Amino acid sequence: MQPFLTIAEAETAEGAKLTLHRRGEEFFLRVNGQALMGTNAPESERMLAELGCEGLRGKRGVRVLIGGLGFGFTLRAVLELLGEDGLVEVAELLPEVVAWNREYLAEVNGGLVDDRRVRIVLGDVYDLMVKGEEERYDAILLDVDNGPVAMVEEGNGRLYEAGGLAMIGRVLKPGGCVAFWSASGDQAFVRRLVKAGFQVRVEAVRAYAQAKRKVHTIFLGRRK
């Protein structure tokens, strides 16, 4: 069996330990020893982009915000459907994650961070939305933490509360869509989305394309 190697480490502002691992050709990200993501299971990250950006293929001047770079599978899926005049802003809290994509994951999706249609913003996606102008995104794709139940940073929870949802609604264009990745379902979160005025849809998705079970969840909220 191939060894499970730790190749890089970083620490969040709240003290959580993020570790990057490699086994053979696959990479894995853990937080405080718990599995967060792996290159062997990219399907749900890809579906986050496909579901959140439905109807945008072929449109001109599309602007998409991604919260959380991860291993770049969501970014790759968005770039595949955007035109040459599209723009993708990627908010990533940890500069180490961006550096790891360039250094260790260059052959996975790392080269995409330097695509001319991509703007990497180091910082909290919540703060980025607060500081910008209203009605500027066609789609917002949030792969932040583990979903509504925060695992990495407690502060991530504000995106899923009433104030955060109201703010997301303001920065979406009319008819725009926000998509949230989650490790599990959450009916309380669905109710908050509805109360915030979104047209809500919930999709169960596979972790990898050949999986028999759909274990992850994408929450979709479309601005009316």
C-alpha atoms as a PDB file:
ATOM      1  CA  MET A   1       0.000   0.000   0.000  1.00  0.00           C
ATOM      2  CA  GLN A   2       1.264   3.476  -0.858  1.00  0.00           C
ATOM      3  CA  PRO A   3       2.119   5.687   2.140  1.00  0.00           C
ATOM      4  CA  PHE A   4      -0.161   8.521   3.246  1.00  0.00           C
ATOM      5  CA  LEU A   5       2.208  11.494   3.337  1.00  0.00           C
ATOM      6  CA  THR A   6       1.737  14.905   4.965  1.00  0.00           C
ATOM      7  CA  ILE A   7       3.263  17.434   2.581  1.00  0.00           C
ATOM      8  CA  ALA A   8       2.108  20.821   3.932  1.00  0.00           C
ATOM      9  CA  GLU A   9       0.419  22.416   6.938  1.00  0.00           C
ATOM     10  CA  ALA A  10      -1.315  25.710   7.742  1.00  0.00           C
ATOM     11  CA  GLU A  11      -3.276  27.197  10.611  1.00  0.00           C
ATOM     12  CA  THR A  12      -6.447  29.275  10.428  1.00  0.00           C
ATOM     13  CA  ALA A  13      -7.004  32.490  12.380  1.00  0.00           C
ATOM     14  CA  GLU A  14      -9.102  30.540  14.891  1.00  0.00           C
ATOM     15  CA  GLY A  15      -6.373  27.932  15.375  1.00  0.00           C
ATOM     16  CA  ALA A  16      -7.694  25.055  13.240  1.00  0.00           C
ATOM     17  CA  LYS A  17      -4.909  22.953  11.705  1.00  0.00           C
ATOM     18  CA  LEU A  18      -5.197  22.385   7.962  1.00  0.00           C
ATOM     19  CA  THR A  19      -3.018  19.631   6.481  1.00  0.00           C
ATOM     20  CA  LEU A  20      -2.374  18.620   2.877  1.00  0.00           C
ATOM     21  CA  HIS A  21      -1.644  14.959   2.204  1.00  0.00           C
ATOM     22  CA  ARG A  22      -0.668  12.808  -0.760  1.00  0.00           C
ATOM     23  CA  ARG A  23      -1.116   9.121  -1.466  1.00  0.00           C
ATOM     24  CA  GLY A  24       0.135   8.113  -4.886  1.00  0.00           C
ATOM     25  CA  GLU A  25      -1.464  10.474  -7.391  1.00  0.00           C
ATOM     26  CA  GLU A  26      -4.266  11.613  -5.074  1.00  0.00           C
ATOM     27  CA  PHE A  27      -4.318  14.605  -2.698  1.00  0.00           C
ATOM     28  CA  PHE A  28      -6.350  15.047   0.478  1.00  0.00           C
ATOM     29  CA  LEU A  29      -7.152  17.978   2.757  1.00  0.00           C
ATOM     30  CA  ARG A  30      -7.851  17.506   6.466  1.00  0.00           C
ATOM     31  CA  VAL A  31      -8.794  19.890   9.248  1.00  0.00           C
ATOM     32  CA  ASN A  32      -7.755  18.915  12.764  1.00  0.00           C
ATOM     33  CA  GLY A  33      -7.283  15.384  11.472  1.00  0.00           C
ATOM     34  CA  GLN A  34     -10.773  15.079   9.950  1.00  0.00           C
ATOM     35  CA  ALA A  35     -11.219  14.556   6.212  1.00  0.00           C
ATOM     36  CA  LEU A  36     -12.373  17.681   4.357  1.00  0.00           C
ATOM     37  CA  MET A  37     -11.863  16.856   0.657  1.00  0.00           C
ATOM     38  CA  GLY A  38      -9.866  14.731  -1.761  1.00  0.00           C
ATOM     39  CA  THR A  39      -9.010  14.729  -5.450  1.00  0.00           C
ATOM     40  CA  ASN A  40     -10.462  11.204  -5.628  1.00  0.00           C
ATOM     41  CA  ALA A  41     -13.981  12.554  -5.018  1.00  0.00           C
ATOM     42  CA  PRO A  42     -14.519  15.752  -7.063  1.00  0.00           C
ATOM     43  CA  GLU A  43     -18.057  15.163  -8.345  1.00  0.00           C
ATOM     44  CA  SER A  44     -19.985  17.228  -5.796  1.00  0.00           C
ATOM     45  CA  GLU A  45     -17.651  20.207  -6.266  1.00  0.00           C
ATOM     46  CA  ARG A  46     -18.230  20.006 -10.022  1.00  0.00           C
ATOM     47  CA  MET A  47     -21.985  19.740  -9.522  1.00  0.00           C
ATOM     48  CA  LEU A  48     -21.909  22.842  -7.320  1.00  0.00           C
ATOM     49  CA  ALA A  49     -20.843  24.777 -10.423  1.00  0.00           C
ATOM     50  CA  GLU A  50     -23.167  23.040 -12.886  1.00  0.00           C
ATOM     51  CA  LEU A  51     -26.266  23.456 -10.726  1.00  0.00           C
ATOM     52  CA  GLY A  52     -25.444  26.965  -9.539  1.00  0.00           C
ATOM     53  CA  CYS A  53     -24.662  28.203 -13.048  1.00  0.00           C
ATOM     54  CA  GLU A  54     -27.606  26.625 -14.872  1.00  0.00           C
ATOM     55  CA  GLY A  55     -28.668  28.787 -17.780  1.00  0.00           C
ATOM     56  CA  LEU A  56     -25.456  30.819 -17.935  1.00  0.00           C
ATOM     57  CA  ARG A  57     -23.616  28.873 -20.639  1.00  0.00           C
ATOM     58  CA  GLY A  58     -23.158  31.014 -23.731  1.00  0.00           C
ATOM     59  CA  LYS A  59     -24.188  34.269 -22.057  1.00  0.00           C
ATOM     60  CA  ARG A  60     -21.884  37.272 -22.326  1.00  0.00           C
ATOM     61  CA  GLY A  61     -20.330  39.156 -19.436  1.00  0.00           C
ATOM     62  CA  VAL A  62     -21.177  36.535 -16.799  1.00  0.00           C
ATOM     63  CA  ARG A  63     -19.771  37.207 -13.344  1.00  0.00           C
ATOM     64  CA  VAL A  64     -19.440  34.371 -10.817  1.00  0.00           C
ATOM     65  CA  LEU A  65     -18.206  34.369  -7.223  1.00  0.00           C
ATOM     66  CA  ILE A  66     -16.731  31.219  -5.681  1.00  0.00           C
ATOM     67  CA  GLY A  67     -16.250  31.050  -1.937  1.00  0.00           C
ATOM     68  CA  GLY A  68     -13.443  28.581  -1.208  1.00  0.00           C
ATOM     69  CA  LEU A  69     -10.803  27.454  -3.727  1.00  0.00           C
ATOM     70  CA  GLY A  70     -10.238  23.943  -2.375  1.00  0.00           C
ATOM     71  CA  PHE A  71      -8.670  21.798  -5.091  1.00  0.00           C
ATOM     72  CA  GLY A  72     -10.134  23.919  -7.895  1.00  0.00           C
ATOM     73  CA  PHE A  73     -12.762  21.496  -9.246  1.00  0.00           C
ATOM     74  CA  THR A  74     -15.582  24.041  -8.936  1.00  0.00           C
ATOM     75  CA  LEU A  75     -13.412  26.680 -10.594  1.00  0.00           C
ATOM     76  CA  ARG A  76     -12.608  24.340 -13.479  1.00  0.00           C
ATOM     77  CA  ALA A  77     -16.290  23.556 -14.069  1.00  0.00           C
ATOM     78  CA  VAL A  78     -17.198  27.267 -14.091  1.00  0.00           C
ATOM     79  CA  LEU A  79     -14.442  28.149 -16.559  1.00  0.00           C
ATOM     80  CA  GLU A  80     -15.615  25.376 -18.887  1.00  0.00           C
ATOM     81  CA  LEU A  81     -19.039  27.010 -19.246  1.00  0.00           C
ATOM     82  CA  LEU A  82     -18.018  30.686 -19.235  1.00  0.00           C
ATOM     83  CA  GLY A  83     -17.274  32.664 -22.353  1.00  0.00           C
ATOM     84  CA  GLU A  84     -14.016  34.504 -22.928  1.00  0.00           C
ATOM     85  CA  ASP A  85     -15.460  37.700 -21.442  1.00  0.00           C
ATOM     86  CA  GLY A  86     -16.597  36.038 -18.210  1.00  0.00           C
ATOM     87  CA  LEU A  87     -15.094  36.760 -14.803  1.00  0.00           C
ATOM     88  CA  VAL A  88     -14.701  34.436 -11.820  1.00  0.00           C
ATOM     89  CA  GLU A  89     -13.786  35.856  -8.446  1.00  0.00           C
ATOM     90  CA  VAL A  90     -12.468  33.253  -6.002  1.00  0.00           C
ATOM     91  CA  ALA A  91     -12.344  34.246  -2.344  1.00  0.00           C
ATOM     92  CA  GLU A  92      -9.928  32.060  -0.376  1.00  0.00           C
ATOM     93  CA  LEU A  93      -9.263  32.688   3.287  1.00  0.00           C
ATOM     94  CA  LEU A  94      -5.852  30.989   3.437  1.00  0.00           C
ATOM     95  CA  PRO A  95      -3.017  32.073   1.128  1.00  0.00           C
ATOM     96  CA  GLU A  96      -1.451  28.654   1.742  1.00  0.00           C
ATOM     97  CA  VAL A  97      -4.323  26.963  -0.123  1.00  0.00           C
ATOM     98  CA  VAL A  98      -3.651  29.128  -3.187  1.00  0.00           C
ATOM     99  CA  ALA A  99       0.075  28.391  -2.931  1.00  0.00           C
ATOM    100  CA  TRP A 100      -0.578  24.646  -2.590  1.00  0.00           C
ATOM    101  CA  ASN A 101      -2.659  24.708  -5.779  1.00  0.00           C
ATOM    102  CA  ARG A 102       0.209  26.269  -7.676  1.00  0.00           C
ATOM    103  CA  GLU A 103       2.980  24.168  -6.123  1.00  0.00           C
ATOM    104  CA  TYR A 104       1.532  20.723  -5.465  1.00  0.00           C
ATOM    105  CA  LEU A 105      -1.666  20.652  -7.543  1.00  0.00           C
ATOM    106  CA  ALA A 106      -0.402  22.245 -10.742  1.00  0.00           C
ATOM    107  CA  GLU A 107      -1.312  19.124 -12.740  1.00  0.00           C
ATOM    108  CA  VAL A 108      -4.753  18.855 -11.118  1.00  0.00           C
ATOM    109  CA  ASN A 109      -6.310  22.330 -11.414  1.00  0.00           C
ATOM    110  CA  GLY A 110      -3.553  24.555 -10.060  1.00  0.00           C
ATOM    111  CA  GLY A 111      -2.874  26.330 -13.332  1.00  0.00           C
ATOM    112  CA  LEU A 112      -6.421  27.693 -13.379  1.00  0.00           C
ATOM    113  CA  VAL A 113      -5.722  30.226 -10.638  1.00  0.00           C
ATOM    114  CA  ASP A 114      -3.689  32.146 -13.224  1.00  0.00           C
ATOM    115  CA  ASP A 115      -6.344  32.047 -15.961  1.00  0.00           C
ATOM    116  CA  ARG A 116      -6.956  35.588 -17.215  1.00  0.00           C
ATOM    117  CA  ARG A 117     -10.685  35.257 -16.386  1.00  0.00           C
ATOM    118  CA  VAL A 118      -9.908  34.471 -12.734  1.00  0.00           C
ATOM    119  CA  ARG A 119      -9.383  36.932  -9.897  1.00  0.00           C
ATOM    120  CA  ILE A 120      -8.119  35.409  -6.645  1.00  0.00           C
ATOM    121  CA  VAL A 121      -9.082  37.420  -3.566  1.00  0.00           C
ATOM    122  CA  LEU A 122      -7.324  36.513  -0.326  1.00  0.00           C
ATOM    123  CA  GLY A 123      -9.853  36.984   2.435  1.00  0.00           C
ATOM    124  CA  ASP A 124     -13.283  36.072   3.715  1.00  0.00           C
ATOM    125  CA  VAL A 125     -15.977  35.704   1.039  1.00  0.00           C
ATOM    126  CA  TYR A 126     -18.486  37.323   3.401  1.00  0.00           C
ATOM    127  CA  ASP A 127     -16.346  40.466   3.682  1.00  0.00           C
ATOM    128  CA  LEU A 128     -15.881  40.555  -0.094  1.00  0.00           C
ATOM    129  CA  MET A 129     -19.640  40.587  -0.658  1.00  0.00           C
ATOM    130  CA  VAL A 130     -20.250  43.230   2.029  1.00  0.00           C
ATOM    131  CA  LYS A 131     -17.694  45.633   0.543  1.00  0.00           C
ATOM    132  CA  GLY A 132     -18.823  45.361  -3.091  1.00  0.00           C
ATOM    133  CA  GLU A 133     -21.672  46.901  -5.037  1.00  0.00           C
ATOM    134  CA  GLU A 134     -25.152  45.405  -5.184  1.00  0.00           C
ATOM    135  CA  GLU A 135     -26.546  43.169  -7.949  1.00  0.00           C
ATOM    136  CA  ARG A 136     -23.192  42.222  -9.449  1.00  0.00           C
ATOM    137  CA  TYR A 137     -23.121  38.393  -9.557  1.00  0.00           C
ATOM    138  CA  ASP A 138     -24.979  36.027 -11.847  1.00  0.00           C
ATOM    139  CA  ALA A 139     -24.083  33.132  -9.545  1.00  0.00           C
ATOM    140  CA  ILE A 140     -22.485  32.655  -6.134  1.00  0.00           C
ATOM    141  CA  LEU A 141     -21.017  29.227  -5.342  1.00  0.00           C
ATOM    142  CA  LEU A 142     -20.161  28.637  -1.705  1.00  0.00           C
ATOM    143  CA  ASP A 143     -18.018  25.654  -0.766  1.00  0.00           C
ATOM    144  CA  VAL A 144     -17.277  27.136   2.628  1.00  0.00           C
ATOM    145  CA  ASP A 145     -16.467  24.911   5.562  1.00  0.00           C
ATOM    146  CA  ASN A 146     -18.599  21.755   5.819  1.00  0.00           C
ATOM    147  CA  GLY A 147     -21.916  23.419   5.009  1.00  0.00           C
ATOM    148  CA  PRO A 148     -24.298  25.071   7.478  1.00  0.00           C
ATOM    149  CA  VAL A 149     -22.556  23.241  10.332  1.00  0.00           C
ATOM    150  CA  ALA A 150     -19.134  24.907  10.536  1.00  0.00           C
ATOM    151  CA  MET A 151     -16.146  22.610  11.024  1.00  0.00           C
ATOM    152  CA  VAL A 152     -13.149  24.785  10.137  1.00  0.00           C
ATOM    153  CA  GLU A 153     -14.078  28.301  11.330  1.00  0.00           C
ATOM    154  CA  GLU A 154     -16.985  29.256  13.563  1.00  0.00           C
ATOM    155  CA  GLY A 155     -17.215  32.601  11.761  1.00  0.00           C
ATOM    156  CA  ASN A 156     -18.251  30.788   8.566  1.00  0.00           C
ATOM    157  CA  GLY A 157     -21.654  30.208  10.116  1.00  0.00           C
ATOM    158  CA  ARG A 158     -22.750  33.793   9.448  1.00  0.00           C
ATOM    159  CA  LEU A 159     -23.150  32.995   5.738  1.00  0.00           C
ATOM    160  CA  TYR A 160     -25.982  30.627   6.599  1.00  0.00           C
ATOM    161  CA  GLU A 161     -27.873  32.906   8.974  1.00  0.00           C
ATOM    162  CA  ALA A 162     -30.598  35.459   8.163  1.00  0.00           C
ATOM    163  CA  GLY A 163     -28.245  38.430   7.861  1.00  0.00           C
ATOM    164  CA  GLY A 164     -25.856  36.581   5.578  1.00  0.00           C
ATOM    165  CA  LEU A 165     -28.645  35.340   3.339  1.00  0.00           C
ATOM    166  CA  ALA A 166     -30.098  38.851   3.041  1.00  0.00           C
ATOM    167  CA  MET A 167     -26.681  40.162   2.038  1.00  0.00           C
ATOM    168  CA  ILE A 168     -26.273  37.403  -0.576  1.00  0.00           C
ATOM    169  CA  GLY A 169     -29.645  38.358  -2.026  1.00  0.00           C
ATOM    170  CA  ARG A 170     -28.489  41.963  -2.409  1.00  0.00           C
ATOM    171  CA  VAL A 171     -25.327  41.143  -4.370  1.00  0.00           C
ATOM    172  CA  LEU A 172     -27.044  38.670  -6.716  1.00  0.00           C
ATOM    173  CA  LYS A 173     -28.479  39.998  -9.947  1.00  0.00           C
ATOM    174  CA  PRO A 174     -32.256  39.511 -10.342  1.00  0.00           C
ATOM    175  CA  GLY A 175     -32.752  35.859 -11.243  1.00  0.00           C
ATOM    176  CA  GLY A 176     -29.259  35.027 -10.008  1.00  0.00           C
ATOM    177  CA  CYS A 177     -28.533  31.856  -8.056  1.00  0.00           C
ATOM    178  CA  VAL A 178     -26.591  31.038  -4.904  1.00  0.00           C
ATOM    179  CA  ALA A 179     -25.455  27.442  -4.422  1.00  0.00           C
ATOM    180  CA  PHE A 180     -24.222  26.043  -1.107  1.00  0.00           C
ATOM    181  CA  TRP A 181     -22.197  22.820  -0.842  1.00  0.00           C
ATOM    182  CA  SER A 182     -22.940  20.741   2.243  1.00  0.00           C
ATOM    183  CA  ALA A 183     -21.811  17.422   3.628  1.00  0.00           C
ATOM    184  CA  SER A 184     -25.410  16.682   4.632  1.00  0.00           C
ATOM    185  CA  GLY A 185     -29.007  17.875   4.413  1.00  0.00           C
ATOM    186  CA  ASP A 186     -30.357  20.556   6.753  1.00  0.00           C
ATOM    187  CA  GLN A 187     -34.078  21.334   6.843  1.00  0.00           C
ATOM    188  CA  ALA A 188     -33.601  24.281   9.212  1.00  0.00           C
ATOM    189  CA  PHE A 189     -31.315  25.886   6.632  1.00  0.00           C
ATOM    190  CA  VAL A 190     -33.880  25.277   3.887  1.00  0.00           C
ATOM    191  CA  ARG A 191     -36.458  27.128   5.968  1.00  0.00           C
ATOM    192  CA  ARG A 192     -34.069  30.059   6.427  1.00  0.00           C
ATOM    193  CA  LEU A 193     -33.495  30.240   2.664  1.00  0.00           C
ATOM    194  CA  VAL A 194     -37.234  30.320   2.017  1.00  0.00           C
ATOM    195  CA  LYS A 195     -37.761  32.955   4.690  1.00  0.00           C
ATOM    196  CA  ALA A 196     -35.009  35.054   3.092  1.00  0.00           C
ATOM    197  CA  GLY A 197     -37.081  35.166  -0.105  1.00  0.00           C
ATOM    198  CA  PHE A 198     -35.250  32.658  -2.319  1.00  0.00           C
ATOM    199  CA  GLN A 199     -36.827  30.111  -4.616  1.00  0.00           C
ATOM    200  CA  VAL A 200     -35.281  27.004  -3.093  1.00  0.00           C
ATOM    201  CA  ARG A 201     -34.223  23.698  -4.576  1.00  0.00           C
ATOM    202  CA  VAL A 202     -32.228  20.939  -2.886  1.00  0.00           C
ATOM    203  CA  GLU A 203     -30.178  18.406  -4.851  1.00  0.00           C
ATOM    204  CA  ALA A 204     -28.462  15.289  -3.486  1.00  0.00           C
ATOM    205  CA  VAL A 205     -25.193  14.639  -5.341  1.00  0.00           C
ATOM    206  CA  ARG A 206     -22.505  11.971  -5.506  1.00  0.00           C
ATOM    207  CA  ALA A 207     -19.016  12.421  -4.102  1.00  0.00           C
ATOM    208  CA  TYR A 208     -17.550  10.782  -7.206  1.00  0.00           C
ATOM    209  CA  ALA A 209     -19.111   9.946 -10.553  1.00  0.00           C
ATOM    210  CA  GLN A 210     -19.319   6.159 -10.079  1.00  0.00           C
ATOM    211  CA  ALA A 211     -20.730   6.307  -6.539  1.00  0.00           C
ATOM    212  CA  LYS A 212     -23.989   4.431  -5.954  1.00  0.00           C
ATOM    213  CA  ARG A 213     -25.178   6.730  -3.179  1.00  0.00           C
ATOM    214  CA  LYS A 214     -25.702  10.494  -3.202  1.00  0.00           C
ATOM    215  CA  VAL A 215     -24.145  11.543   0.091  1.00  0.00           C
ATOM    216  CA  HIS A 216     -23.639  15.298  -0.333  1.00  0.00           C
ATOM    217  CA  THR A 217     -26.154  18.113  -0.718  1.00  0.00           C
ATOM    218  CA  ILE A 218     -26.338  21.252  -2.864  1.00  0.00           C
ATOM    219  CA  PHE A 219     -28.762  23.936  -1.624  1.00  0.00           C
ATOM    220  CA  LEU A 220     -29.861  26.268  -4.416  1.00  0.00           C
ATOM    221  CA  GLY A 221     -31.470  29.636  -3.826  1.00  0.00           C
ATOM    222  CA  ARG A 222     -32.587  31.733  -6.787  1.00  0.00           C
ATOM    223  CA  ARG A 223     -33.314  35.426  -6.338  1.00  0.00           C
ATOM    224  CA  LYS A 224     -36.858  36.163  -7.426  1.00  0.00           C
END
